[in-house]
Amino acid sequence: MHDSTRGRPNSGGAARNSEVLEADEFAGSTALDAMALVQEFRPNWLRARGVTSIHDQSSDEVRVYLNGVSAGDVNQLREIRVSDVRELRHLGAAQAQARYGVGHGGGVIEVLLR
C-alpha cells in the first residue's frame, strides 16, 4: 500500500504521525538544520500556547531536548545539522510536563541523533 500524498509505501495504510518526524520523511529536504526541518514539515510545533504561569513568563516556551537532555529553547534547533538527526518528536504540554516536570507548558521537541 502507498501513502497517496507522498507516493511512498507506508505501514498498512496508516497516516504519518503528526507528532513524529522521521528521517525517511525528510530525506529529500534541502534543510540544513533541525529548525528548518520543523519549519518545513511541522511548523505548528513552534507555536507556543501563551503564558501559562504568572510566576514564570517563559513557561509557555517550547523547549528542546537532545537525546533526553535539556538543550534550551527552540533556537537550539539551529545548531543541529540535519545529517545528525534520526528523529524529531513533539510532546504537548501535558506529555512534556509528565515526562520532564513543571515548566514545560509550551511543550517539548525531542531530537534523537543518529
PDB file of N, CA and C in Angstrom:
ATOM      1  N   MET A   1       0.839  -1.177   0.000  1.00  0.00           N
ATOM      2  CA  MET A   1       0.000   0.000   0.000  1.00  0.00           C
ATOM      3  C   MET A   1       0.883   1.239   0.000  1.00  0.00           C
ATOM      4  N   HIS A   2       0.439   2.319  -0.611  1.00  0.00           N
ATOM      5  CA  HIS A   2       1.220   3.537  -0.713  1.00  0.00           C
ATOM      6  C   HIS A   2       0.516   4.708  -0.048  1.00  0.00           C
ATOM      7  N   ASP A   3       1.327   5.605   0.478  1.00  0.00           N
ATOM      8  CA  ASP A   3       0.834   6.871   1.011  1.00  0.00           C
ATOM      9  C   ASP A   3       0.566   7.756  -0.198  1.00  0.00           C
ATOM     10  N   SER A   4      -0.680   8.010  -0.491  1.00  0.00           N
ATOM     11  CA  SER A   4      -1.044   8.711  -1.718  1.00  0.00           C
ATOM     12  C   SER A   4      -0.532  10.150  -1.753  1.00  0.00           C
ATOM     13  N   THR A   5      -0.243  10.747  -0.607  1.00  0.00           N
ATOM     14  CA  THR A   5       0.239  12.121  -0.600  1.00  0.00           C
ATOM     15  C   THR A   5       1.731  12.208  -0.875  1.00  0.00           C
ATOM     16  N   ARG A   6       2.435  11.089  -0.714  1.00  0.00           N
ATOM     17  CA  ARG A   6       3.867  11.128  -0.916  1.00  0.00           C
ATOM     18  C   ARG A   6       4.360  10.069  -1.894  1.00  0.00           C
ATOM     19  N   GLY A   7       3.499   9.143  -2.288  1.00  0.00           N
ATOM     20  CA  GLY A   7       3.879   8.110  -3.228  1.00  0.00           C
ATOM     21  C   GLY A   7       4.850   7.092  -2.660  1.00  0.00           C
ATOM     22  N   ARG A   8       4.917   7.001  -1.341  1.00  0.00           N
ATOM     23  CA  ARG A   8       5.824   6.055  -0.691  1.00  0.00           C
ATOM     24  C   ARG A   8       5.022   4.963  -0.018  1.00  0.00           C
ATOM     25  N   PRO A   9       5.625   3.783   0.116  1.00  0.00           N
ATOM     26  CA  PRO A   9       4.935   2.737   0.870  1.00  0.00           C
ATOM     27  C   PRO A   9       4.767   3.173   2.318  1.00  0.00           C
ATOM     28  N   ASN A  10       3.689   2.744   2.923  1.00  0.00           N
ATOM     29  CA  ASN A  10       3.528   3.001   4.344  1.00  0.00           C
ATOM     30  C   ASN A  10       3.083   1.717   5.021  1.00  0.00           C
ATOM     31  N   SER A  11       2.974   1.749   6.330  1.00  0.00           N
ATOM     32  CA  SER A  11       2.653   0.545   7.074  1.00  0.00           C
ATOM     33  C   SER A  11       1.148   0.373   7.193  1.00  0.00           C
ATOM     34  N   GLY A  12       0.581  -0.480   6.371  1.00  0.00           N
ATOM     35  CA  GLY A  12      -0.832  -0.820   6.472  1.00  0.00           C
ATOM     36  C   GLY A  12      -1.781   0.320   6.200  1.00  0.00           C
ATOM     37  N   GLY A  13      -1.373   1.322   5.486  1.00  0.00           N
ATOM     38  CA  GLY A  13      -2.262   2.421   5.146  1.00  0.00           C
ATOM     39  C   GLY A  13      -2.400   3.464   6.233  1.00  0.00           C
ATOM     40  N   ALA A  14      -1.658   3.320   7.333  1.00  0.00           N
ATOM     41  CA  ALA A  14      -1.751   4.285   8.415  1.00  0.00           C
ATOM     42  C   ALA A  14      -1.148   5.619   7.995  1.00  0.00           C
ATOM     43  N   ALA A  15      -1.769   6.694   8.442  1.00  0.00           N
ATOM     44  CA  ALA A  15      -1.252   8.031   8.157  1.00  0.00           C
ATOM     45  C   ALA A  15      -0.006   8.286   8.998  1.00  0.00           C
ATOM     46  N   ARG A  16       0.829   9.192   8.531  1.00  0.00           N
ATOM     47  CA  ARG A  16       2.024   9.550   9.296  1.00  0.00           C
ATOM     48  C   ARG A  16       1.609  10.201  10.610  1.00  0.00           C
ATOM     49  N   ASN A  17       2.408   9.979  11.637  1.00  0.00           N
ATOM     50  CA  ASN A  17       2.160  10.553  12.951  1.00  0.00           C
ATOM     51  C   ASN A  17       2.563  12.024  12.929  1.00  0.00           C
ATOM     52  N   SER A  18       1.643  12.921  13.198  1.00  0.00           N
ATOM     53  CA  SER A  18       1.927  14.353  13.150  1.00  0.00           C
ATOM     54  C   SER A  18       2.821  14.801  14.309  1.00  0.00           C
ATOM     55  N   GLU A  19       3.056  13.936  15.279  1.00  0.00           N
ATOM     56  CA  GLU A  19       3.899  14.275  16.425  1.00  0.00           C
ATOM     57  C   GLU A  19       5.310  13.705  16.299  1.00  0.00           C
ATOM     58  N   VAL A  20       5.591  13.036  15.169  1.00  0.00           N
ATOM     59  CA  VAL A  20       6.911  12.446  14.929  1.00  0.00           C
ATOM     60  C   VAL A  20       7.352  12.803  13.520  1.00  0.00           C
ATOM     61  N   LEU A  21       8.625  13.145  13.372  1.00  0.00           N
ATOM     62  CA  LEU A  21       9.210  13.417  12.063  1.00  0.00           C
ATOM     63  C   LEU A  21      10.439  12.530  11.937  1.00  0.00           C
ATOM     64  N   GLU A  22      10.343  11.515  11.088  1.00  0.00           N
ATOM     65  CA  GLU A  22      11.418  10.537  10.943  1.00  0.00           C
ATOM     66  C   GLU A  22      12.273  10.844   9.723  1.00  0.00           C
ATOM     67  N   ALA A  23      13.490  10.326   9.735  1.00  0.00           N
ATOM     68  CA  ALA A  23      14.470  10.595   8.681  1.00  0.00           C
ATOM     69  C   ALA A  23      13.952  10.258   7.291  1.00  0.00           C
ATOM     70  N   ASP A  24      13.183   9.188   7.143  1.00  0.00           N
ATOM     71  CA  ASP A  24      12.701   8.831   5.803  1.00  0.00           C
ATOM     72  C   ASP A  24      11.762   9.895   5.234  1.00  0.00           C
ATOM     73  N   GLU A  25      11.065  10.615   6.117  1.00  0.00           N
ATOM     74  CA  GLU A  25      10.151  11.653   5.655  1.00  0.00           C
ATOM     75  C   GLU A  25      10.895  12.906   5.181  1.00  0.00           C
ATOM     76  N   PHE A  26      12.021  13.227   5.813  1.00  0.00           N
ATOM     77  CA  PHE A  26      12.739  14.446   5.422  1.00  0.00           C
ATOM     78  C   PHE A  26      14.001  14.168   4.606  1.00  0.00           C
ATOM     79  N   ALA A  27      14.152  12.939   4.136  1.00  0.00           N
ATOM     80  CA  ALA A  27      15.352  12.552   3.388  1.00  0.00           C
ATOM     81  C   ALA A  27      15.607  13.441   2.170  1.00  0.00           C
ATOM     82  N   GLY A  28      14.588  13.909   1.478  1.00  0.00           N
ATOM     83  CA  GLY A  28      14.772  14.722   0.280  1.00  0.00           C
ATOM     84  C   GLY A  28      14.802  16.222   0.545  1.00  0.00           C
ATOM     85  N   SER A  29      14.728  16.614   1.792  1.00  0.00           N
ATOM     86  CA  SER A  29      14.678  18.033   2.128  1.00  0.00           C
ATOM     87  C   SER A  29      16.029  18.706   1.883  1.00  0.00           C
ATOM     88  N   THR A  30      15.976  19.981   1.561  1.00  0.00           N
ATOM     89  CA  THR A  30      17.199  20.769   1.409  1.00  0.00           C
ATOM     90  C   THR A  30      17.531  21.539   2.690  1.00  0.00           C
ATOM     91  N   ALA A  31      16.773  21.295   3.756  1.00  0.00           N
ATOM     92  CA  ALA A  31      17.015  21.958   5.037  1.00  0.00           C
ATOM     93  C   ALA A  31      18.423  21.617   5.536  1.00  0.00           C
ATOM     94  N   LEU A  32      19.052  22.582   6.183  1.00  0.00           N
ATOM     95  CA  LEU A  32      20.403  22.380   6.703  1.00  0.00           C
ATOM     96  C   LEU A  32      20.433  22.111   8.204  1.00  0.00           C
ATOM     97  N   ASP A  33      19.411  22.606   8.922  1.00  0.00           N
ATOM     98  CA  ASP A  33      19.392  22.397  10.362  1.00  0.00           C
ATOM     99  C   ASP A  33      18.007  21.926  10.814  1.00  0.00           C
ATOM    100  N   ALA A  34      17.935  21.497  12.075  1.00  0.00           N
ATOM    101  CA  ALA A  34      16.688  20.955  12.609  1.00  0.00           C
ATOM    102  C   ALA A  34      15.569  21.994  12.649  1.00  0.00           C
ATOM    103  N   MET A  35      15.908  23.258  12.856  1.00  0.00           N
ATOM    104  CA  MET A  35      14.880  24.304  12.845  1.00  0.00           C
ATOM    105  C   MET A  35      14.215  24.369  11.475  1.00  0.00           C
ATOM    106  N   ALA A  36      15.006  24.331  10.418  1.00  0.00           N
ATOM    107  CA  ALA A  36      14.454  24.379   9.062  1.00  0.00           C
ATOM    108  C   ALA A  36      13.575  23.170   8.785  1.00  0.00           C
ATOM    109  N   LEU A  37      13.941  22.001   9.321  1.00  0.00           N
ATOM    110  CA  LEU A  37      13.103  20.804   9.165  1.00  0.00           C
ATOM    111  C   LEU A  37      11.740  21.016   9.806  1.00  0.00           C
ATOM    112  N   VAL A  38      11.746  21.498  11.035  1.00  0.00           N
ATOM    113  CA  VAL A  38      10.486  21.717  11.745  1.00  0.00           C
ATOM    114  C   VAL A  38       9.644  22.763  11.012  1.00  0.00           C
ATOM    115  N   GLN A  39      10.274  23.830  10.562  1.00  0.00           N
ATOM    116  CA  GLN A  39       9.536  24.872   9.841  1.00  0.00           C
ATOM    117  C   GLN A  39       8.930  24.326   8.548  1.00  0.00           C
ATOM    118  N   GLU A  40       9.638  23.422   7.883  1.00  0.00           N
ATOM    119  CA  GLU A  40       9.149  22.865   6.623  1.00  0.00           C
ATOM    120  C   GLU A  40       8.065  21.807   6.816  1.00  0.00           C
ATOM    121  N   PHE A  41       8.256  20.902   7.771  1.00  0.00           N
ATOM    122  CA  PHE A  41       7.368  19.743   7.901  1.00  0.00           C
ATOM    123  C   PHE A  41       6.354  19.820   9.043  1.00  0.00           C
ATOM    124  N   ARG A  42       6.687  20.475  10.152  1.00  0.00           N
ATOM    125  CA  ARG A  42       5.794  20.537  11.316  1.00  0.00           C
ATOM    126  C   ARG A  42       5.813  21.928  11.955  1.00  0.00           C
ATOM    127  N   PRO A  43       5.476  22.982  11.201  1.00  0.00           N
ATOM    128  CA  PRO A  43       5.573  24.345  11.744  1.00  0.00           C
ATOM    129  C   PRO A  43       4.705  24.577  12.979  1.00  0.00           C
ATOM    130  N   ASN A  44       3.637  23.840  13.123  1.00  0.00           N
ATOM    131  CA  ASN A  44       2.763  24.017  14.291  1.00  0.00           C
ATOM    132  C   ASN A  44       3.464  23.640  15.603  1.00  0.00           C
ATOM    133  N   TRP A  45       4.551  22.874  15.541  1.00  0.00           N
ATOM    134  CA  TRP A  45       5.299  22.527  16.752  1.00  0.00           C
ATOM    135  C   TRP A  45       5.920  23.765  17.393  1.00  0.00           C
ATOM    136  N   LEU A  46       6.119  24.811  16.632  1.00  0.00           N
ATOM    137  CA  LEU A  46       6.811  26.000  17.131  1.00  0.00           C
ATOM    138  C   LEU A  46       5.869  27.005  17.774  1.00  0.00           C
ATOM    139  N   ARG A  47       4.589  26.757  17.733  1.00  0.00           N
ATOM    140  CA  ARG A  47       3.610  27.695  18.286  1.00  0.00           C
ATOM    141  C   ARG A  47       3.429  27.475  19.786  1.00  0.00           C
ATOM    142  N   ALA A  48       3.758  28.495  20.533  1.00  0.00           N
ATOM    143  CA  ALA A  48       3.567  28.433  21.986  1.00  0.00           C
ATOM    144  C   ALA A  48       2.093  28.661  22.301  1.00  0.00           C
ATOM    145  N   ARG A  49       1.655  28.184  23.448  1.00  0.00           N
ATOM    146  CA  ARG A  49       0.254  28.302  23.845  1.00  0.00           C
ATOM    147  C   ARG A  49      -0.082  29.637  24.469  1.00  0.00           C
ATOM    148  N   GLY A  50       0.884  30.424  24.833  1.00  0.00           N
ATOM    149  CA  GLY A  50       0.628  31.644  25.594  1.00  0.00           C
ATOM    150  C   GLY A  50       1.118  31.436  27.011  1.00  0.00           C
ATOM    151  N   VAL A  51       1.270  32.498  27.752  1.00  0.00           N
ATOM    152  CA  VAL A  51       1.810  32.404  29.108  1.00  0.00           C
ATOM    153  C   VAL A  51       0.906  31.527  29.961  1.00  0.00           C
ATOM    154  N   THR A  52       1.514  30.536  30.611  1.00  0.00           N
ATOM    155  CA  THR A  52       0.751  29.589  31.423  1.00  0.00           C
ATOM    156  C   THR A  52       0.972  29.805  32.912  1.00  0.00           C
ATOM    157  N   SER A  53       1.882  30.728  33.266  1.00  0.00           N
ATOM    158  CA  SER A  53       2.149  30.991  34.672  1.00  0.00           C
ATOM    159  C   SER A  53       2.494  32.464  34.861  1.00  0.00           C
ATOM    160  N   ILE A  54       1.884  33.103  35.857  1.00  0.00           N
ATOM    161  CA  ILE A  54       2.232  34.497  36.115  1.00  0.00           C
ATOM    162  C   ILE A  54       3.583  34.587  36.822  1.00  0.00           C
ATOM    163  N   HIS A  55       4.043  33.492  37.396  1.00  0.00           N
ATOM    164  CA  HIS A  55       5.320  33.468  38.105  1.00  0.00           C
ATOM    165  C   HIS A  55       6.494  33.157  37.190  1.00  0.00           C
ATOM    166  N   ASP A  56       6.231  32.476  36.081  1.00  0.00           N
ATOM    167  CA  ASP A  56       7.298  32.099  35.146  1.00  0.00           C
ATOM    168  C   ASP A  56       6.855  32.457  33.740  1.00  0.00           C
ATOM    169  N   GLN A  57       7.288  33.614  33.275  1.00  0.00           N
ATOM    170  CA  GLN A  57       6.866  34.110  31.964  1.00  0.00           C
ATOM    171  C   GLN A  57       7.392  33.248  30.812  1.00  0.00           C
ATOM    172  N   SER A  58       8.400  32.430  31.043  1.00  0.00           N
ATOM    173  CA  SER A  58       8.937  31.567  29.979  1.00  0.00           C
ATOM    174  C   SER A  58       8.299  30.185  29.978  1.00  0.00           C
ATOM    175  N   SER A  59       7.316  29.960  30.844  1.00  0.00           N
ATOM    176  CA  SER A  59       6.710  28.633  30.965  1.00  0.00           C
ATOM    177  C   SER A  59       5.965  28.207  29.712  1.00  0.00           C
ATOM    178  N   ASP A  60       5.663  29.158  28.826  1.00  0.00           N
ATOM    179  CA  ASP A  60       4.930  28.828  27.607  1.00  0.00           C
ATOM    180  C   ASP A  60       5.861  28.526  26.429  1.00  0.00           C
ATOM    181  N   GLU A  61       7.162  28.684  26.598  1.00  0.00           N
ATOM    182  CA  GLU A  61       8.106  28.463  25.507  1.00  0.00           C
ATOM    183  C   GLU A  61       8.263  26.975  25.207  1.00  0.00           C
ATOM    184  N   VAL A  62       8.394  26.674  23.933  1.00  0.00           N
ATOM    185  CA  VAL A  62       8.700  25.305  23.519  1.00  0.00           C
ATOM    186  C   VAL A  62      10.154  25.039  23.880  1.00  0.00           C
ATOM    187  N   ARG A  63      10.411  23.936  24.548  1.00  0.00           N
ATOM    188  CA  ARG A  63      11.757  23.564  24.977  1.00  0.00           C
ATOM    189  C   ARG A  63      12.290  22.463  24.065  1.00  0.00           C
ATOM    190  N   VAL A  64      13.611  22.352  23.974  1.00  0.00           N
ATOM    191  CA  VAL A  64      14.253  21.340  23.143  1.00  0.00           C
ATOM    192  C   VAL A  64      15.051  20.398  24.030  1.00  0.00           C
ATOM    193  N   TYR A  65      14.901  19.108  23.756  1.00  0.00           N
ATOM    194  CA  TYR A  65      15.689  18.078  24.439  1.00  0.00           C
ATOM    195  C   TYR A  65      16.455  17.301  23.383  1.00  0.00           C
ATOM    196  N   LEU A  66      17.730  17.102  23.634  1.00  0.00           N
ATOM    197  CA  LEU A  66      18.622  16.409  22.721  1.00  0.00           C
ATOM    198  C   LEU A  66      18.999  15.077  23.343  1.00  0.00           C
ATOM    199  N   ASN A  67      18.508  13.987  22.755  1.00  0.00           N
ATOM    200  CA  ASN A  67      18.721  12.643  23.313  1.00  0.00           C
ATOM    201  C   ASN A  67      18.366  12.595  24.796  1.00  0.00           C
ATOM    202  N   GLY A  68      17.255  13.241  25.159  1.00  0.00           N
ATOM    203  CA  GLY A  68      16.747  13.185  26.527  1.00  0.00           C
ATOM    204  C   GLY A  68      17.342  14.203  27.490  1.00  0.00           C
ATOM    205  N   VAL A  69      18.249  15.069  27.006  1.00  0.00           N
ATOM    206  CA  VAL A  69      18.891  16.065  27.855  1.00  0.00           C
ATOM    207  C   VAL A  69      18.447  17.462  27.421  1.00  0.00           C
ATOM    208  N   SER A  70      18.089  18.296  28.385  1.00  0.00           N
ATOM    209  CA  SER A  70      17.643  19.646  28.077  1.00  0.00           C
ATOM    210  C   SER A  70      18.714  20.405  27.311  1.00  0.00           C
ATOM    211  N   ALA A  71      18.293  21.025  26.185  1.00  0.00           N
ATOM    212  CA  ALA A  71      19.227  21.785  25.350  1.00  0.00           C
ATOM    213  C   ALA A  71      18.873  23.262  25.304  1.00  0.00           C
ATOM    214  N   GLY A  72      17.700  23.648  25.813  1.00  0.00           N
ATOM    215  CA  GLY A  72      17.308  25.054  25.818  1.00  0.00           C
ATOM    216  C   GLY A  72      16.042  25.298  25.031  1.00  0.00           C
ATOM    217  N   ASP A  73      15.947  26.499  24.457  1.00  0.00           N
ATOM    218  CA  ASP A  73      14.745  26.862  23.713  1.00  0.00           C
ATOM    219  C   ASP A  73      14.870  26.425  22.245  1.00  0.00           C
ATOM    220  N   VAL A  74      13.865  26.762  21.443  1.00  0.00           N
ATOM    221  CA  VAL A  74      13.833  26.290  20.052  1.00  0.00           C
ATOM    222  C   VAL A  74      14.994  26.807  19.213  1.00  0.00           C
ATOM    223  N   ASN A  75      15.646  27.877  19.628  1.00  0.00           N
ATOM    224  CA  ASN A  75      16.793  28.372  18.873  1.00  0.00           C
ATOM    225  C   ASN A  75      17.928  27.350  18.823  1.00  0.00           C
ATOM    226  N   GLN A  76      17.943  26.422  19.760  1.00  0.00           N
ATOM    227  CA  GLN A  76      18.969  25.368  19.758  1.00  0.00           C
ATOM    228  C   GLN A  76      18.835  24.466  18.531  1.00  0.00           C
ATOM    229  N   LEU A  77      17.639  24.419  17.949  1.00  0.00           N
ATOM    230  CA  LEU A  77      17.430  23.596  16.756  1.00  0.00           C
ATOM    231  C   LEU A  77      18.313  24.069  15.595  1.00  0.00           C
ATOM    232  N   ARG A  78      18.681  25.348  15.596  1.00  0.00           N
ATOM    233  CA  ARG A  78      19.533  25.900  14.536  1.00  0.00           C
ATOM    234  C   ARG A  78      20.963  25.355  14.605  1.00  0.00           C
ATOM    235  N   GLU A  79      21.331  24.805  15.753  1.00  0.00           N
ATOM    236  CA  GLU A  79      22.688  24.288  15.965  1.00  0.00           C
ATOM    237  C   GLU A  79      22.822  22.805  15.600  1.00  0.00           C
ATOM    238  N   ILE A  80      21.716  22.175  15.215  1.00  0.00           N
ATOM    239  CA  ILE A  80      21.725  20.728  14.952  1.00  0.00           C
ATOM    240  C   ILE A  80      21.607  20.488  13.455  1.00  0.00           C
ATOM    241  N   ARG A  81      22.632  19.874  12.874  1.00  0.00           N
ATOM    242  CA  ARG A  81      22.640  19.592  11.438  1.00  0.00           C
ATOM    243  C   ARG A  81      21.640  18.483  11.105  1.00  0.00           C
ATOM    244  N   VAL A  82      20.978  18.627   9.984  1.00  0.00           N
ATOM    245  CA  VAL A  82      20.010  17.629   9.529  1.00  0.00           C
ATOM    246  C   VAL A  82      20.668  16.257   9.413  1.00  0.00           C
ATOM    247  N   SER A  83      21.895  16.214   8.947  1.00  0.00           N
ATOM    248  CA  SER A  83      22.592  14.939   8.761  1.00  0.00           C
ATOM    249  C   SER A  83      22.800  14.187  10.072  1.00  0.00           C
ATOM    250  N   ASP A  84      22.679  14.880  11.213  1.00  0.00           N
ATOM    251  CA  ASP A  84      22.837  14.248  12.528  1.00  0.00           C
ATOM    252  C   ASP A  84      21.513  13.765  13.120  1.00  0.00           C
ATOM    253  N   VAL A  85      20.393  14.160  12.503  1.00  0.00           N
ATOM    254  CA  VAL A  85      19.067  13.879  13.072  1.00  0.00           C
ATOM    255  C   VAL A  85      18.532  12.529  12.591  1.00  0.00           C
ATOM    256  N   ARG A  86      18.127  11.704  13.547  1.00  0.00           N
ATOM    257  CA  ARG A  86      17.446  10.448  13.245  1.00  0.00           C
ATOM    258  C   ARG A  86      15.936  10.641  13.302  1.00  0.00           C
ATOM    259  N   GLU A  87      15.488  11.425  14.304  1.00  0.00           N
ATOM    260  CA  GLU A  87      14.050  11.598  14.501  1.00  0.00           C
ATOM    261  C   GLU A  87      13.798  12.826  15.365  1.00  0.00           C
ATOM    262  N   LEU A  88      12.679  13.477  15.103  1.00  0.00           N
ATOM    263  CA  LEU A  88      12.196  14.580  15.926  1.00  0.00           C
ATOM    264  C   LEU A  88      10.823  14.183  16.448  1.00  0.00           C
ATOM    265  N   ARG A  89      10.562  14.513  17.713  1.00  0.00           N
ATOM    266  CA  ARG A  89       9.257  14.210  18.313  1.00  0.00           C
ATOM    267  C   ARG A  89       8.733  15.441  19.025  1.00  0.00           C
ATOM    268  N   HIS A  90       7.433  15.625  18.943  1.00  0.00           N
ATOM    269  CA  HIS A  90       6.789  16.730  19.640  1.00  0.00           C
ATOM    270  C   HIS A  90       5.966  16.185  20.793  1.00  0.00           C
ATOM    271  N   LEU A  91       6.124  16.786  21.955  1.00  0.00           N
ATOM    272  CA  LEU A  91       5.304  16.460  23.119  1.00  0.00           C
ATOM    273  C   LEU A  91       4.505  17.702  23.481  1.00  0.00           C
ATOM    274  N   GLY A  92       3.190  17.557  23.571  1.00  0.00           N
ATOM    275  CA  GLY A  92       2.356  18.656  24.011  1.00  0.00           C
ATOM    276  C   GLY A  92       2.620  18.950  25.479  1.00  0.00           C
ATOM    277  N   ALA A  93       1.982  19.988  25.990  1.00  0.00           N
ATOM    278  CA  ALA A  93       2.228  20.442  27.361  1.00  0.00           C
ATOM    279  C   ALA A  93       2.049  19.331  28.400  1.00  0.00           C
ATOM    280  N   ALA A  94       0.943  18.603  28.331  1.00  0.00           N
ATOM    281  CA  ALA A  94       0.678  17.573  29.339  1.00  0.00           C
ATOM    282  C   ALA A  94       1.728  16.464  29.292  1.00  0.00           C
ATOM    283  N   GLN A  95       2.046  15.981  28.093  1.00  0.00           N
ATOM    284  CA  GLN A  95       3.067  14.938  27.957  1.00  0.00           C
ATOM    285  C   GLN A  95       4.433  15.440  28.396  1.00  0.00           C
ATOM    286  N   ALA A  96       4.774  16.665  27.993  1.00  0.00           N
ATOM    287  CA  ALA A  96       6.077  17.233  28.335  1.00  0.00           C
ATOM    288  C   ALA A  96       6.229  17.385  29.846  1.00  0.00           C
ATOM    289  N   GLN A  97       5.178  17.865  30.512  1.00  0.00           N
ATOM    290  CA  GLN A  97       5.262  18.042  31.954  1.00  0.00           C
ATOM    291  C   GLN A  97       5.263  16.712  32.686  1.00  0.00           C
ATOM    292  N   ALA A  98       4.571  15.716  32.145  1.00  0.00           N
ATOM    293  CA  ALA A  98       4.595  14.387  32.756  1.00  0.00           C
ATOM    294  C   ALA A  98       5.986  13.771  32.660  1.00  0.00           C
ATOM    295  N   ARG A  99       6.659  13.997  31.531  1.00  0.00           N
ATOM    296  CA  ARG A  99       7.983  13.403  31.322  1.00  0.00           C
ATOM    297  C   ARG A  99       9.105  14.226  31.944  1.00  0.00           C
ATOM    298  N   TYR A 100       9.034  15.558  31.802  1.00  0.00           N
ATOM    299  CA  TYR A 100      10.163  16.403  32.206  1.00  0.00           C
ATOM    300  C   TYR A 100       9.883  17.326  33.388  1.00  0.00           C
ATOM    301  N   GLY A 101       8.639  17.364  33.866  1.00  0.00           N
ATOM    302  CA  GLY A 101       8.318  18.175  35.030  1.00  0.00           C
ATOM    303  C   GLY A 101       7.713  19.525  34.689  1.00  0.00           C
ATOM    304  N   VAL A 102       7.434  20.301  35.728  1.00  0.00           N
ATOM    305  CA  VAL A 102       6.815  21.610  35.538  1.00  0.00           C
ATOM    306  C   VAL A 102       7.742  22.528  34.747  1.00  0.00           C
ATOM    307  N   GLY A 103       7.136  23.554  34.146  1.00  0.00           N
ATOM    308  CA  GLY A 103       7.922  24.490  33.357  1.00  0.00           C
ATOM    309  C   GLY A 103       8.000  24.123  31.889  1.00  0.00           C
ATOM    310  N   HIS A 104       7.186  23.169  31.475  1.00  0.00           N
ATOM    311  CA  HIS A 104       7.170  22.734  30.078  1.00  0.00           C
ATOM    312  C   HIS A 104       5.788  22.939  29.461  1.00  0.00           C
ATOM    313  N   GLY A 105       5.120  24.012  29.866  1.00  0.00           N
ATOM    314  CA  GLY A 105       3.767  24.301  29.410  1.00  0.00           C
ATOM    315  C   GLY A 105       3.660  24.585  27.923  1.00  0.00           C
ATOM    316  N   GLY A 106       4.766  24.928  27.285  1.00  0.00           N
ATOM    317  CA  GLY A 106       4.755  25.178  25.843  1.00  0.00           C
ATOM    318  C   GLY A 106       5.040  23.936  25.029  1.00  0.00           C
ATOM    319  N   GLY A 107       5.325  22.849  25.707  1.00  0.00           N
ATOM    320  CA  GLY A 107       5.644  21.594  25.021  1.00  0.00           C
ATOM    321  C   GLY A 107       7.144  21.430  24.815  1.00  0.00           C
ATOM    322  N   VAL A 108       7.506  20.300  24.206  1.00  0.00           N
ATOM    323  CA  VAL A 108       8.901  19.936  24.007  1.00  0.00           C
ATOM    324  C   VAL A 108       9.077  19.363  22.600  1.00  0.00           C
ATOM    325  N   ILE A 109      10.203  19.680  21.988  1.00  0.00           N
ATOM    326  CA  ILE A 109      10.638  18.999  20.780  1.00  0.00           C
ATOM    327  C   ILE A 109      11.842  18.160  21.174  1.00  0.00           C
ATOM    328  N   GLU A 110      11.695  16.849  21.043  1.00  0.00           N
ATOM    329  CA  GLU A 110      12.791  15.935  21.338  1.00  0.00           C
ATOM    330  C   GLU A 110      13.547  15.662  20.043  1.00  0.00           C
ATOM    331  N   VAL A 111      14.859  15.759  20.096  1.00  0.00           N
ATOM    332  CA  VAL A 111      15.714  15.466  18.952  1.00  0.00           C
ATOM    333  C   VAL A 111      16.500  14.217  19.283  1.00  0.00           C
ATOM    334  N   LEU A 112      16.354  13.199  18.432  1.00  0.00           N
ATOM    335  CA  LEU A 112      17.124  11.967  18.595  1.00  0.00           C
ATOM    336  C   LEU A 112      18.172  11.943  17.497  1.00  0.00           C
ATOM    337  N   LEU A 113      19.420  11.848  17.909  1.00  0.00           N
ATOM    338  CA  LEU A 113      20.522  11.872  16.951  1.00  0.00           C
ATOM    339  C   LEU A 113      20.858  10.477  16.440  1.00  0.00           C
ATOM    340  N   ARG A 114      21.495  10.447  15.294  1.00  0.00           N
ATOM    341  CA  ARG A 114      21.948   9.164  14.706  1.00  0.00           C
ATOM    342  C   ARG A 114      23.039   8.559  15.544  1.00  0.00           C
TER     343      ARG A 114
END
